[in-house]
C-alpha atoms as a PDB file:
ATOM      1  CA  MET A   1      11.311 -43.866   0.551  1.00  0.00           C
ATOM      2  CA  THR A   2       9.030 -45.715   2.962  1.00  0.00           C
ATOM      3  CA  ILE A   3       5.898 -44.240   4.518  1.00  0.00           C
ATOM      4  CA  ARG A   4       7.641 -44.312   7.889  1.00  0.00           C
ATOM      5  CA  ALA A   5      10.622 -42.412   6.531  1.00  0.00           C
ATOM      6  CA  LEU A   6       8.373 -39.829   4.952  1.00  0.00           C
ATOM      7  CA  ARG A   7       6.541 -39.334   8.237  1.00  0.00           C
ATOM      8  CA  THR A   8       9.828 -38.922  10.080  1.00  0.00           C
ATOM      9  CA  ALA A   9      11.033 -36.311   7.585  1.00  0.00           C
ATOM     10  CA  PHE A  10       7.740 -34.439   7.775  1.00  0.00           C
ATOM     11  CA  ASN A  11       7.813 -34.327  11.566  1.00  0.00           C
ATOM     12  CA  GLY A  12      11.358 -33.074  11.438  1.00  0.00           C
ATOM     13  CA  LEU A  13      10.342 -30.161   9.242  1.00  0.00           C
ATOM     14  CA  LEU A  14       7.523 -29.290  11.603  1.00  0.00           C
ATOM     15  CA  ALA A  15       9.904 -29.307  14.520  1.00  0.00           C
ATOM     16  CA  ALA A  16      12.089 -26.866  12.581  1.00  0.00           C
ATOM     17  CA  GLY A  17       9.115 -24.506  12.434  1.00  0.00           C
ATOM     18  CA  LEU A  18       8.250 -24.878   8.750  1.00  0.00           C
ATOM     19  CA  ALA A  19       4.682 -24.514   7.601  1.00  0.00           C
ATOM     20  CA  GLY A  20       4.714 -27.880   5.829  1.00  0.00           C
ATOM     21  CA  LEU A  21       5.775 -29.498   2.627  1.00  0.00           C
ATOM     22  CA  ALA A  22       4.481 -28.212  -0.694  1.00  0.00           C
ATOM     23  CA  LEU A  23       3.485 -31.426  -2.385  1.00  0.00           C
ATOM     24  CA  CYS A  24       2.238 -29.948  -5.657  1.00  0.00           C
ATOM     25  CA  ALA A  25       4.432 -30.456  -8.709  1.00  0.00           C
ATOM     26  CA  GLY A  26       7.051 -27.751  -9.102  1.00  0.00           C
ATOM     27  CA  ALA A  27       6.380 -26.215  -5.648  1.00  0.00           C
ATOM     28  CA  SER A  28       8.943 -25.869  -2.893  1.00  0.00           C
ATOM     29  CA  ALA A  29       8.685 -25.987   0.861  1.00  0.00           C
ATOM     30  CA  ALA A  30       6.879 -22.989   2.377  1.00  0.00           C
ATOM     31  CA  ALA A  31       8.536 -20.632   4.808  1.00  0.00           C
ATOM     32  CA  SER A  32       7.864 -20.615   8.525  1.00  0.00           C
ATOM     33  CA  PRO A  33       4.438 -19.209   9.443  1.00  0.00           C
ATOM     34  CA  LEU A  34       4.842 -15.490   9.933  1.00  0.00           C
ATOM     35  CA  LEU A  35       4.527 -14.694  13.629  1.00  0.00           C
ATOM     36  CA  GLY A  36       2.953 -18.114  14.171  1.00  0.00           C
ATOM     37  CA  ALA A  37      -0.116 -17.192  12.106  1.00  0.00           C
ATOM     38  CA  LYS A  38      -1.580 -19.230   9.258  1.00  0.00           C
ATOM     39  CA  CYS A  39      -1.458 -17.501   5.879  1.00  0.00           C
ATOM     40  CA  ASP A  40      -5.220 -16.981   5.397  1.00  0.00           C
ATOM     41  CA  ALA A  41      -6.954 -14.888   8.054  1.00  0.00           C
ATOM     42  CA  GLY A  42      -4.391 -16.017  10.572  1.00  0.00           C
ATOM     43  CA  GLU A  43      -4.114 -14.319  13.939  1.00  0.00           C
ATOM     44  CA  ALA A  44      -0.951 -13.052  15.552  1.00  0.00           C
ATOM     45  CA  SER A  45      -0.479 -11.595  19.010  1.00  0.00           C
ATOM     46  CA  ASP A  46       1.385  -8.472  20.073  1.00  0.00           C
ATOM     47  CA  PRO A  47       3.302  -9.443  23.228  1.00  0.00           C
ATOM     48  CA  GLY A  48       3.655  -5.788  24.189  1.00  0.00           C
ATOM     49  CA  THR A  49      -0.088  -5.214  24.569  1.00  0.00           C
ATOM     50  CA  GLY A  50      -1.484  -8.750  24.510  1.00  0.00           C
ATOM     51  CA  ARG A  51      -3.789  -7.749  21.639  1.00  0.00           C
ATOM     52  CA  ARG A  52      -4.321  -9.820  18.528  1.00  0.00           C
ATOM     53  CA  PHE A  53      -4.607  -8.886  14.851  1.00  0.00           C
ATOM     54  CA  PHE A  54      -5.337 -10.567  11.533  1.00  0.00           C
ATOM     55  CA  LEU A  55      -2.359 -11.433   9.362  1.00  0.00           C
ATOM     56  CA  ASP A  56      -2.658 -12.507   5.714  1.00  0.00           C
ATOM     57  CA  TYR A  57       0.292 -13.291   3.466  1.00  0.00           C
ATOM     58  CA  PRO A  58       1.132 -15.491   0.457  1.00  0.00           C
ATOM     59  CA  CYS A  59       0.861 -19.131   1.445  1.00  0.00           C
ATOM     60  CA  ASP A  60       3.898 -19.874  -0.739  1.00  0.00           C
ATOM     61  CA  LEU A  61       5.995 -16.998   0.641  1.00  0.00           C
ATOM     62  CA  LYS A  62       9.682 -17.858   0.508  1.00  0.00           C
ATOM     63  CA  PRO A  63      12.506 -16.542   2.687  1.00  0.00           C
ATOM     64  CA  GLY A  64      14.046 -13.446   1.123  1.00  0.00           C
ATOM     65  CA  GLU A  65      11.108 -12.779  -1.205  1.00  0.00           C
ATOM     66  CA  LYS A  66      10.157  -9.141  -1.805  1.00  0.00           C
ATOM     67  CA  VAL A  67       6.676  -8.105  -0.629  1.00  0.00           C
ATOM     68  CA  VAL A  68       4.451  -5.077  -0.118  1.00  0.00           C
ATOM     69  CA  PHE A  69       3.276  -4.640   3.480  1.00  0.00           C
ATOM     70  CA  VAL A  70      -0.141  -3.093   4.167  1.00  0.00           C
ATOM     71  CA  LEU A  71      -1.324  -2.053   7.633  1.00  0.00           C
ATOM     72  CA  LEU A  72      -5.111  -1.773   7.225  1.00  0.00           C
ATOM     73  CA  LEU A  73      -7.209   0.190   9.734  1.00  0.00           C
ATOM     74  CA  HIS A  74     -10.994   0.096  10.156  1.00  0.00           C
ATOM     75  CA  GLY A  75     -13.220   3.111  10.755  1.00  0.00           C
ATOM     76  CA  ALA A  76     -15.125   4.297  13.828  1.00  0.00           C
ATOM     77  CA  GLY A  77     -17.604   1.746  15.138  1.00  0.00           C
ATOM     78  CA  SER A  78     -16.107  -1.018  13.004  1.00  0.00           C
ATOM     79  CA  SER A  79     -13.535  -3.808  13.386  1.00  0.00           C
ATOM     80  CA  GLY A  80     -10.613  -5.471  11.681  1.00  0.00           C
ATOM     81  CA  GLU A  81     -12.810  -8.344  10.590  1.00  0.00           C
ATOM     82  CA  TRP A  82     -15.194  -5.975   8.765  1.00  0.00           C
ATOM     83  CA  VAL A  83     -12.567  -3.875   6.998  1.00  0.00           C
ATOM     84  CA  ARG A  84     -10.818  -6.999   5.681  1.00  0.00           C
ATOM     85  CA  GLN A  85     -14.024  -7.583   3.741  1.00  0.00           C
ATOM     86  CA  TYR A  86     -14.628  -3.905   2.898  1.00  0.00           C
ATOM     87  CA  PHE A  87     -11.239  -3.669   1.141  1.00  0.00           C
ATOM     88  CA  PRO A  88     -10.591  -7.324   0.276  1.00  0.00           C
ATOM     89  CA  ALA A  89      -6.971  -6.980  -0.805  1.00  0.00           C
ATOM     90  CA  THR A  90      -6.351 -10.339   0.869  1.00  0.00           C
ATOM     91  CA  LYS A  91      -7.913 -11.940  -2.224  1.00  0.00           C
ATOM     92  CA  TYR A  92      -4.900 -10.747  -4.194  1.00  0.00           C
ATOM     93  CA  LYS A  93      -2.111 -11.465  -1.717  1.00  0.00           C
ATOM     94  CA  GLU A  94      -0.648 -14.345  -3.739  1.00  0.00           C
ATOM     95  CA  ARG A  95      -0.794 -12.568  -7.112  1.00  0.00           C
ATOM     96  CA  TYR A  96       0.772  -9.323  -5.871  1.00  0.00           C
ATOM     97  CA  ARG A  97       2.846 -10.663  -2.931  1.00  0.00           C
ATOM     98  CA  LEU A  98       1.100  -8.766  -0.164  1.00  0.00           C
ATOM     99  CA  VAL A  99       1.498  -9.045   3.596  1.00  0.00           C
ATOM    100  CA  ILE A 100      -1.562  -7.484   5.242  1.00  0.00           C
ATOM    101  CA  ALA A 101      -1.966  -6.815   8.966  1.00  0.00           C
ATOM    102  CA  THR A 102      -5.474  -5.844  10.078  1.00  0.00           C
ATOM    103  CA  PRO A 103      -5.915  -4.883  13.752  1.00  0.00           C
ATOM    104  CA  THR A 104      -8.906  -3.696  15.782  1.00  0.00           C
ATOM    105  CA  ALA A 105      -8.936  -0.565  17.951  1.00  0.00           C
ATOM    106  CA  ALA A 106      -9.086  -1.040  21.706  1.00  0.00           C
ATOM    107  CA  GLY A 107     -12.316   0.883  22.238  1.00  0.00           C
ATOM    108  CA  GLY A 108     -13.463   2.071  25.622  1.00  0.00           C
ATOM    109  CA  GLY A 109     -12.439   5.679  25.040  1.00  0.00           C
ATOM    110  CA  PRO A 110     -14.374   8.897  25.693  1.00  0.00           C
ATOM    111  CA  THR A 111     -17.177   7.887  23.314  1.00  0.00           C
ATOM    112  CA  PRO A 112     -19.229   4.673  23.133  1.00  0.00           C
ATOM    113  CA  VAL A 113     -18.052   4.248  19.523  1.00  0.00           C
ATOM    114  CA  ARG A 114     -14.903   2.184  19.072  1.00  0.00           C
ATOM    115  CA  MET A 115     -12.255   4.231  17.265  1.00  0.00           C
ATOM    116  CA  TRP A 116      -8.510   4.604  17.011  1.00  0.00           C
ATOM    117  CA  LEU A 117      -7.080   6.768  19.805  1.00  0.00           C
ATOM    118  CA  ALA A 118      -3.477   7.826  20.258  1.00  0.00           C
ATOM    119  CA  ASP A 119      -3.120   6.827  23.904  1.00  0.00           C
ATOM    120  CA  ALA A 120      -4.850   3.475  23.498  1.00  0.00           C
ATOM    121  CA  ASP A 121      -3.604   2.320  20.110  1.00  0.00           C
ATOM    122  CA  ASP A 122      -0.445   3.968  18.799  1.00  0.00           C
ATOM    123  CA  ARG A 123       1.923   1.645  20.653  1.00  0.00           C
ATOM    124  CA  TYR A 124      -0.069  -1.336  19.378  1.00  0.00           C
ATOM    125  CA  LEU A 125       0.219  -0.164  15.757  1.00  0.00           C
ATOM    126  CA  ARG A 126       3.960   0.413  16.114  1.00  0.00           C
ATOM    127  CA  ASP A 127       4.362  -3.028  17.686  1.00  0.00           C
ATOM    128  CA  ILE A 128       2.538  -4.647  14.766  1.00  0.00           C
ATOM    129  CA  ALA A 129       4.763  -2.880  12.264  1.00  0.00           C
ATOM    130  CA  ASP A 130       7.884  -3.914  14.197  1.00  0.00           C
ATOM    131  CA  MET A 131       6.706  -7.520  14.357  1.00  0.00           C
ATOM    132  CA  VAL A 132       5.896  -7.817  10.653  1.00  0.00           C
ATOM    133  CA  VAL A 133       9.035  -6.017   9.532  1.00  0.00           C
ATOM    134  CA  GLY A 134      11.086  -8.236  11.831  1.00  0.00           C
ATOM    135  CA  ALA A 135       9.444 -11.420  10.552  1.00  0.00           C
ATOM    136  CA  VAL A 136       9.669 -10.535   6.851  1.00  0.00           C
ATOM    137  CA  GLY A 137      12.956  -8.636   7.005  1.00  0.00           C
ATOM    138  CA  ARG A 138      13.176  -4.917   6.255  1.00  0.00           C
ATOM    139  CA  ARG A 139      15.251  -5.549   3.117  1.00  0.00           C
ATOM    140  CA  ASN A 140      12.425  -7.693   1.773  1.00  0.00           C
ATOM    141  CA  ILE A 141       9.717  -5.016   2.096  1.00  0.00           C
ATOM    142  CA  ARG A 142       9.755  -3.058  -1.143  1.00  0.00           C
ATOM    143  CA  GLY A 143       6.716  -0.999  -0.172  1.00  0.00           C
ATOM    144  CA  PHE A 144       4.885  -0.201   3.077  1.00  0.00           C
ATOM    145  CA  TRP A 145       1.404   1.333   2.973  1.00  0.00           C
ATOM    146  CA  LEU A 146      -0.866   2.629   5.693  1.00  0.00           C
ATOM    147  CA  ALA A 147      -4.452   2.108   4.557  1.00  0.00           C
ATOM    148  CA  GLY A 148      -7.610   3.035   6.402  1.00  0.00           C
ATOM    149  CA  HIS A 149     -11.333   3.429   5.984  1.00  0.00           C
ATOM    150  CA  SER A 150     -13.041   6.528   7.380  1.00  0.00           C
ATOM    151  CA  GLN A 151     -11.570   7.328  10.814  1.00  0.00           C
ATOM    152  CA  GLY A 152      -8.956   4.658  10.121  1.00  0.00           C
ATOM    153  CA  GLY A 153      -7.858   6.714   7.126  1.00  0.00           C
ATOM    154  CA  LEU A 154      -7.590   9.816   9.263  1.00  0.00           C
ATOM    155  CA  THR A 155      -5.644   7.819  11.842  1.00  0.00           C
ATOM    156  CA  ALA A 156      -3.210   6.926   9.074  1.00  0.00           C
ATOM    157  CA  ASN A 157      -3.096  10.654   8.253  1.00  0.00           C
ATOM    158  CA  ARG A 158      -2.325  11.396  11.916  1.00  0.00           C
ATOM    159  CA  ILE A 159       0.530   8.899  12.326  1.00  0.00           C
ATOM    160  CA  VAL A 160       2.049   8.500   8.859  1.00  0.00           C
ATOM    161  CA  CYS A 161       4.621  11.259   9.331  1.00  0.00           C
ATOM    162  CA  ASP A 162       5.272  10.841  13.052  1.00  0.00           C
ATOM    163  CA  ASP A 163       8.766  10.024  14.287  1.00  0.00           C
ATOM    164  CA  TYR A 164       8.159   6.272  14.029  1.00  0.00           C
ATOM    165  CA  PHE A 165       6.393   5.881  10.656  1.00  0.00           C
ATOM    166  CA  ARG A 166       7.820   8.712   8.533  1.00  0.00           C
ATOM    167  CA  GLY A 167      10.998   6.801   7.686  1.00  0.00           C
ATOM    168  CA  LYS A 168       9.161   3.553   7.007  1.00  0.00           C
ATOM    169  CA  VAL A 169       5.863   4.189   5.193  1.00  0.00           C
ATOM    170  CA  ASP A 170       5.896   4.736   1.427  1.00  0.00           C
ATOM    171  CA  GLY A 171       2.201   5.388   0.823  1.00  0.00           C
ATOM    172  CA  TRP A 172      -1.145   6.293   2.331  1.00  0.00           C
ATOM    173  CA  LEU A 173      -4.357   4.776   0.963  1.00  0.00           C
ATOM    174  CA  SER A 174      -7.361   6.765   2.178  1.00  0.00           C
ATOM    175  CA  LEU A 175     -10.577   4.758   1.805  1.00  0.00           C
ATOM    176  CA  SER A 176     -13.113   7.531   2.383  1.00  0.00           C
ATOM    177  CA  GLY A 177     -10.719   8.746   5.064  1.00  0.00           C
ATOM    178  CA  GLY A 178      -9.978  12.283   3.937  1.00  0.00           C
ATOM    179  CA  ARG A 179      -8.219  13.741   0.896  1.00  0.00           C
ATOM    180  CA  ILE A 180      -5.114  15.911   0.703  1.00  0.00           C
ATOM    181  CA  GLY A 181      -6.868  18.895  -0.842  1.00  0.00           C
ATOM    182  CA  SER A 182     -10.265  18.406   0.724  1.00  0.00           C
ATOM    183  CA  ALA A 183     -13.225  16.727  -0.964  1.00  0.00           C
ATOM    184  CA  PRO A 184     -15.951  18.085   1.360  1.00  0.00           C
ATOM    185  CA  LEU A 185     -18.452  15.592   2.703  1.00  0.00           C
ATOM    186  CA  ASN A 186     -22.070  15.695   1.599  1.00  0.00           C
ATOM    187  CA  PRO A 187     -24.040  17.283   4.495  1.00  0.00           C
ATOM    188  CA  GLU A 188     -26.405  14.309   4.295  1.00  0.00           C
ATOM    189  CA  PHE A 189     -23.536  12.154   5.523  1.00  0.00           C
ATOM    190  CA  PHE A 190     -24.144  13.371   9.084  1.00  0.00           C
ATOM    191  CA  ARG A 191     -27.920  12.869   9.080  1.00  0.00           C
ATOM    192  CA  GLY A 192     -28.891  10.648  12.015  1.00  0.00           C
ATOM    193  CA  LEU A 193     -25.325  10.352  13.349  1.00  0.00           C
ATOM    194  CA  SER A 194     -24.678  11.185  16.993  1.00  0.00           C
ATOM    195  CA  LEU A 195     -20.912  11.461  16.431  1.00  0.00           C
ATOM    196  CA  LYS A 196     -20.101  14.437  14.210  1.00  0.00           C
ATOM    197  CA  GLY A 197     -16.552  15.067  15.366  1.00  0.00           C
ATOM    198  CA  PHE A 198     -13.568  13.366  16.951  1.00  0.00           C
ATOM    199  CA  PRO A 199     -12.294  13.409  20.536  1.00  0.00           C
ATOM    200  CA  PRO A 200      -8.646  14.377  21.094  1.00  0.00           C
ATOM    201  CA  GLY A 201      -6.220  11.812  19.699  1.00  0.00           C
ATOM    202  CA  ALA A 202      -8.722  10.343  17.223  1.00  0.00           C
ATOM    203  CA  GLY A 203      -7.670  12.374  14.198  1.00  0.00           C
ATOM    204  CA  PRO A 204      -4.881  14.624  12.999  1.00  0.00           C
ATOM    205  CA  PRO A 205      -4.729  18.077  14.627  1.00  0.00           C
ATOM    206  CA  GLY A 206      -6.663  20.379  12.341  1.00  0.00           C
ATOM    207  CA  GLY A 207      -8.495  17.485  10.706  1.00  0.00           C
ATOM    208  CA  ALA A 208     -12.101  16.386  11.011  1.00  0.00           C
ATOM    209  CA  PRO A 209     -14.379  13.727   9.526  1.00  0.00           C
ATOM    210  CA  GLY A 210     -13.587  13.732   5.816  1.00  0.00           C
ATOM    211  CA  ILE A 211     -10.922  16.437   6.194  1.00  0.00           C
ATOM    212  CA  ALA A 212      -7.266  15.402   6.088  1.00  0.00           C
ATOM    213  CA  VAL A 213      -4.247  17.525   6.890  1.00  0.00           C
ATOM    214  CA  THR A 214      -1.254  17.868   4.600  1.00  0.00           C
ATOM    215  CA  PRO A 215       1.438  15.327   5.554  1.00  0.00           C
ATOM    216  CA  ALA A 216       4.892  16.546   6.485  1.00  0.00           C
ATOM    217  CA  CYS A 217       6.819  13.752   4.754  1.00  0.00           C
ATOM    218  CA  ASP A 218       7.137  12.264   1.266  1.00  0.00           C
ATOM    219  CA  LEU A 219       4.410   9.772   0.322  1.00  0.00           C
ATOM    220  CA  ASN A 220       2.481   8.174  -2.465  1.00  0.00           C
ATOM    221  CA  PHE A 221      -1.227   8.902  -2.020  1.00  0.00           C
ATOM    222  CA  ILE A 222      -4.431   7.264  -3.234  1.00  0.00           C
ATOM    223  CA  PHE A 223      -7.821   8.676  -2.312  1.00  0.00           C
ATOM    224  CA  GLU A 224     -10.876   6.459  -2.828  1.00  0.00           C
ATOM    225  CA  THR A 225     -14.436   7.615  -2.228  1.00  0.00           C
ATOM    226  CA  GLY A 226     -18.058   6.917  -3.012  1.00  0.00           C
ATOM    227  CA  GLU A 227     -19.733   9.471  -5.276  1.00  0.00           C
ATOM    228  CA  HIS A 228     -22.597  10.178  -2.866  1.00  0.00           C
ATOM    229  CA  GLU A 229     -20.517  10.822   0.266  1.00  0.00           C
ATOM    230  CA  ILE A 230     -18.758  13.909  -1.088  1.00  0.00           C
ATOM    231  CA  LEU A 231     -20.026  17.072  -2.749  1.00  0.00           C
ATOM    232  CA  SER A 232     -17.587  16.682  -5.634  1.00  0.00           C
ATOM    233  CA  LEU A 233     -14.145  15.396  -6.453  1.00  0.00           C
ATOM    234  CA  PRO A 234     -11.677  18.302  -6.898  1.00  0.00           C
ATOM    235  CA  GLN A 235     -10.025  18.757 -10.274  1.00  0.00           C
ATOM    236  CA  THR A 236      -6.643  19.576  -8.743  1.00  0.00           C
ATOM    237  CA  SER A 237      -4.456  18.285  -5.926  1.00  0.00           C
ATOM    238  CA  PRO A 238      -2.024  20.247  -3.749  1.00  0.00           C
ATOM    239  CA  TRP A 239      -0.176  16.956  -3.201  1.00  0.00           C
ATOM    240  CA  ALA A 240       0.282  16.625  -6.969  1.00  0.00           C
ATOM    241  CA  ASP A 241       1.469  20.235  -7.068  1.00  0.00           C
ATOM    242  CA  ARG A 242       4.093  19.400  -4.439  1.00  0.00           C
ATOM    243  CA  TYR A 243       5.657  16.877  -6.815  1.00  0.00           C
ATOM    244  CA  ALA A 244       5.193  18.981  -9.966  1.00  0.00           C
ATOM    245  CA  CYS A 245       2.816  16.434 -11.483  1.00  0.00           C
ATOM    246  CA  LEU A 246       1.008  17.022 -14.749  1.00  0.00           C
ATOM    247  CA  PRO A 247      -2.763  17.671 -14.724  1.00  0.00           C
ATOM    248  CA  LYS A 248      -4.807  14.673 -13.711  1.00  0.00           C
ATOM    249  CA  ARG A 249      -5.639  12.140 -16.386  1.00  0.00           C
ATOM    250  CA  ARG A 250      -8.693   9.918 -16.443  1.00  0.00           C
ATOM    251  CA  GLU A 251      -7.899   6.254 -16.855  1.00  0.00           C
ATOM    252  CA  PRO A 252     -10.305   3.660 -18.306  1.00  0.00           C
ATOM    253  CA  ASP A 253     -13.275   3.096 -16.023  1.00  0.00           C
ATOM    254  CA  VAL A 254     -13.254  -0.046 -13.904  1.00  0.00           C
ATOM    255  CA  VAL A 255     -16.539  -1.906 -14.297  1.00  0.00           C
ATOM    256  CA  ASP A 256     -17.505  -4.547 -11.737  1.00  0.00           C
ATOM    257  CA  ASP A 257     -20.310  -7.029 -12.317  1.00  0.00           C
ATOM    258  CA  GLN A 258     -19.967  -8.401  -8.792  1.00  0.00           C
ATOM    259  CA  PRO A 259     -20.797  -6.533  -5.550  1.00  0.00           C
ATOM    260  CA  GLY A 260     -18.501  -5.877  -2.635  1.00  0.00           C
ATOM    261  CA  LEU A 261     -18.534  -8.328   0.256  1.00  0.00           C
ATOM    262  CA  VAL A 262     -20.002  -6.103   2.997  1.00  0.00           C
ATOM    263  CA  ASP A 263     -22.019  -2.978   3.614  1.00  0.00           C
ATOM    264  CA  GLY A 264     -23.250  -1.018   6.606  1.00  0.00           C
ATOM    265  CA  GLY A 265     -26.095  -3.429   7.311  1.00  0.00           C
ATOM    266  CA  PRO A 266     -29.802  -2.684   7.703  1.00  0.00           C
ATOM    267  CA  LYS A 267     -30.785   0.754   8.988  1.00  0.00           C
ATOM    268  CA  SER A 268     -34.041   2.228  10.165  1.00  0.00           C
ATOM    269  CA  GLY A 269     -35.606   5.112   8.285  1.00  0.00           C
ATOM    270  CA  PRO A 270     -35.176   6.128   4.660  1.00  0.00           C
ATOM    271  CA  PRO A 271     -31.940   5.176   2.842  1.00  0.00           C
ATOM    272  CA  ASN A 272     -29.053   7.592   3.184  1.00  0.00           C
ATOM    273  CA  LEU A 273     -27.040   7.433  -0.032  1.00  0.00           C
ATOM    274  CA  ALA A 274     -24.167   9.384   1.502  1.00  0.00           C
ATOM    275  CA  GLN A 275     -23.737   6.911   4.341  1.00  0.00           C
ATOM    276  CA  GLY A 276     -24.203   3.976   1.996  1.00  0.00           C
ATOM    277  CA  THR A 277     -26.789   1.337   1.226  1.00  0.00           C
ATOM    278  CA  THR A 278     -26.550  -2.226  -0.067  1.00  0.00           C
ATOM    279  CA  ALA A 279     -23.344  -3.555  -1.620  1.00  0.00           C
ATOM    280  CA  ARG A 280     -23.829  -3.890  -5.379  1.00  0.00           C
ATOM    281  CA  PRO A 281     -21.924  -3.963  -8.686  1.00  0.00           C
ATOM    282  CA  GLY A 282     -20.825  -0.692 -10.190  1.00  0.00           C
ATOM    283  CA  THR A 283     -18.348   1.490 -12.039  1.00  0.00           C
ATOM    284  CA  ALA A 284     -15.350   3.364 -10.692  1.00  0.00           C
ATOM    285  CA  GLN A 285     -13.569   6.300 -12.286  1.00  0.00           C
ATOM    286  CA  VAL A 286      -9.790   6.358 -11.828  1.00  0.00           C
ATOM    287  CA  TYR A 287      -7.693   9.514 -12.140  1.00  0.00           C
ATOM    288  CA  LEU A 288      -3.887   9.618 -12.096  1.00  0.00           C
ATOM    289  CA  TYR A 289      -1.586  12.613 -11.833  1.00  0.00           C
ATOM    290  CA  PRO A 290       1.215  11.637 -14.244  1.00  0.00           C
ATOM    291  CA  GLY A 291       4.793  12.796 -14.463  1.00  0.00           C
ATOM    292  CA  CYS A 292       5.307  13.368 -10.749  1.00  0.00           C
ATOM    293  CA  ARG A 293       8.817  14.080  -9.520  1.00  0.00           C
ATOM    294  CA  GLY A 294      10.537  10.898  -8.388  1.00  0.00           C
ATOM    295  CA  GLY A 295       7.804   8.781  -9.970  1.00  0.00           C
ATOM    296  CA  ARG A 296       5.496   9.555  -7.069  1.00  0.00           C
ATOM    297  CA  LEU A 297       2.034   7.942  -7.371  1.00  0.00           C
ATOM    298  CA  ILE A 298      -0.965  10.216  -6.735  1.00  0.00           C
ATOM    299  CA  ALA A 299      -4.452   9.043  -7.666  1.00  0.00           C
ATOM    300  CA  ASP A 300      -8.147   9.641  -7.061  1.00  0.00           C
ATOM    301  CA  VAL A 301     -10.736   6.866  -7.341  1.00  0.00           C
ATOM    302  CA  GLU A 302     -14.457   7.656  -7.323  1.00  0.00           C
ATOM    303  CA  ARG A 303     -16.988   4.826  -7.194  1.00  0.00           C
ATOM    304  CA  LEU A 304     -20.150   5.972  -8.904  1.00  0.00           C
ATOM    305  CA  ASP A 305     -23.524   5.663  -7.159  1.00  0.00           C
ATOM    306  CA  LYS A 306     -21.844   4.536  -3.926  1.00  0.00           C
ATOM    307  CA  GLY A 307     -21.656   5.967  -0.425  1.00  0.00           C
ATOM    308  CA  HIS A 308     -19.458   5.405   2.606  1.00  0.00           C
ATOM    309  CA  THR A 309     -20.009   1.790   3.579  1.00  0.00           C
ATOM    310  CA  GLU A 310     -20.530  -0.325   0.459  1.00  0.00           C
ATOM    311  CA  GLY A 311     -17.575  -2.666   0.259  1.00  0.00           C
ATOM    312  CA  LEU A 312     -15.178  -2.296  -2.647  1.00  0.00           C
ATOM    313  CA  GLU A 313     -15.919  -4.536  -5.584  1.00  0.00           C
ATOM    314  CA  PRO A 314     -13.294  -7.058  -6.749  1.00  0.00           C
ATOM    315  CA  ARG A 315     -11.984  -5.349  -9.878  1.00  0.00           C
ATOM    316  CA  ILE A 316     -11.577  -1.903  -8.353  1.00  0.00           C
ATOM    317  CA  THR A 317      -9.916  -3.509  -5.332  1.00  0.00           C
ATOM    318  CA  GLU A 318      -7.422  -5.161  -7.657  1.00  0.00           C
ATOM    319  CA  LYS A 319      -6.862  -1.916  -9.563  1.00  0.00           C
ATOM    320  CA  ILE A 320      -5.992  -0.102  -6.341  1.00  0.00           C
ATOM    321  CA  VAL A 321      -3.665  -2.941  -5.327  1.00  0.00           C
ATOM    322  CA  GLN A 322      -1.951  -2.681  -8.726  1.00  0.00           C
ATOM    323  CA  LEU A 323      -1.359   1.021  -8.154  1.00  0.00           C
ATOM    324  CA  MET A 324       0.051   0.364  -4.691  1.00  0.00           C
ATOM    325  CA  VAL A 325       2.532  -2.295  -5.784  1.00  0.00           C
ATOM    326  CA  ALA A 326       3.659  -0.215  -8.795  1.00  0.00           C
ATOM    327  CA  ALA A 327       4.404   2.866  -6.671  1.00  0.00           C
ATOM    328  CA  PRO A 328       7.976   3.761  -5.677  1.00  0.00           C
ATOM    329  CA  GLY A 329       8.923   2.491  -2.249  1.00  0.00           C
ATOM    330  CA  GLY A 330      11.762   1.118  -0.196  1.00  0.00           C
ATOM    331  CA  LYS A 331      12.032   3.537   2.735  1.00  0.00           C
ATOM    332  CA  LEU A 332      12.684   0.576   5.011  1.00  0.00           C
ATOM    333  CA  ASN A 333      15.703  -0.312   2.905  1.00  0.00           C
ATOM    334  CA  LYS A 334      17.183   3.091   3.643  1.00  0.00           C
ATOM    335  CA  GLU A 335      16.322   3.511   7.331  1.00  0.00           C
END
């Protein structure tokens, strides 16, 4: 084929909306860009609100391929850009076939701290889910997880069993965002903080910083925390009791020799271990509740010598992703 013919064919594929030709040996043409966004830190726009969000997905995603969809929410005072680095699951999107949407709260609510609020953000989050499910195809989403750090985790707790999400979401990943069966926060966590509670619509009714409420729908659940931000990790779980799980079992520790990608940044005054200090390597303890009814996944992850804001290290991030993709799912296939 001549160079001119190749160029003509390539332009024709672009006009058809394909991402491009995969020229590597053994590769096939990529699918259309999801929602017009490139596959690495791409940005898509919600036409309902005009707001944008990050979208990451496998660059070799093929039509009809099965994926796990993660809607990842930042905490109070943070942003989508930061939480993508805090929990860098995007690094594993090709290996584990992940589609990850990471939005940013609107801000401008009753406090000067940007946070997720029902009136300002719930429609936006539903729109994002509708857009991604529509682009990927509900039959192709074998698992849908709401994940959130801090107040983002409690926002997931607030919405996961509402009328919209309860029939779609298969799991909740709480990244220091409250545990089902409370793991009380270290009192030092609040030292120097002006915001010690949530305004209406920022958390689940009956919840508070670090305190989740029991969901009213069936879910897989992973709780991840830093050792210093809680008083202690409970030995039991009411969520595991719900599914008649066996007593929790400690898995092999996950040892990281590389630090996370972000932390809370420089602070004035003495270090506060509960709030978090500098990102650094470390060890995480992983606990599973085996034998749960229906194969339900319930797990606790405690990162030793860490607080609230040190980004997750690469190996423990991958371990959590492995748990998520192995969990039972498919609510969207039944809705």
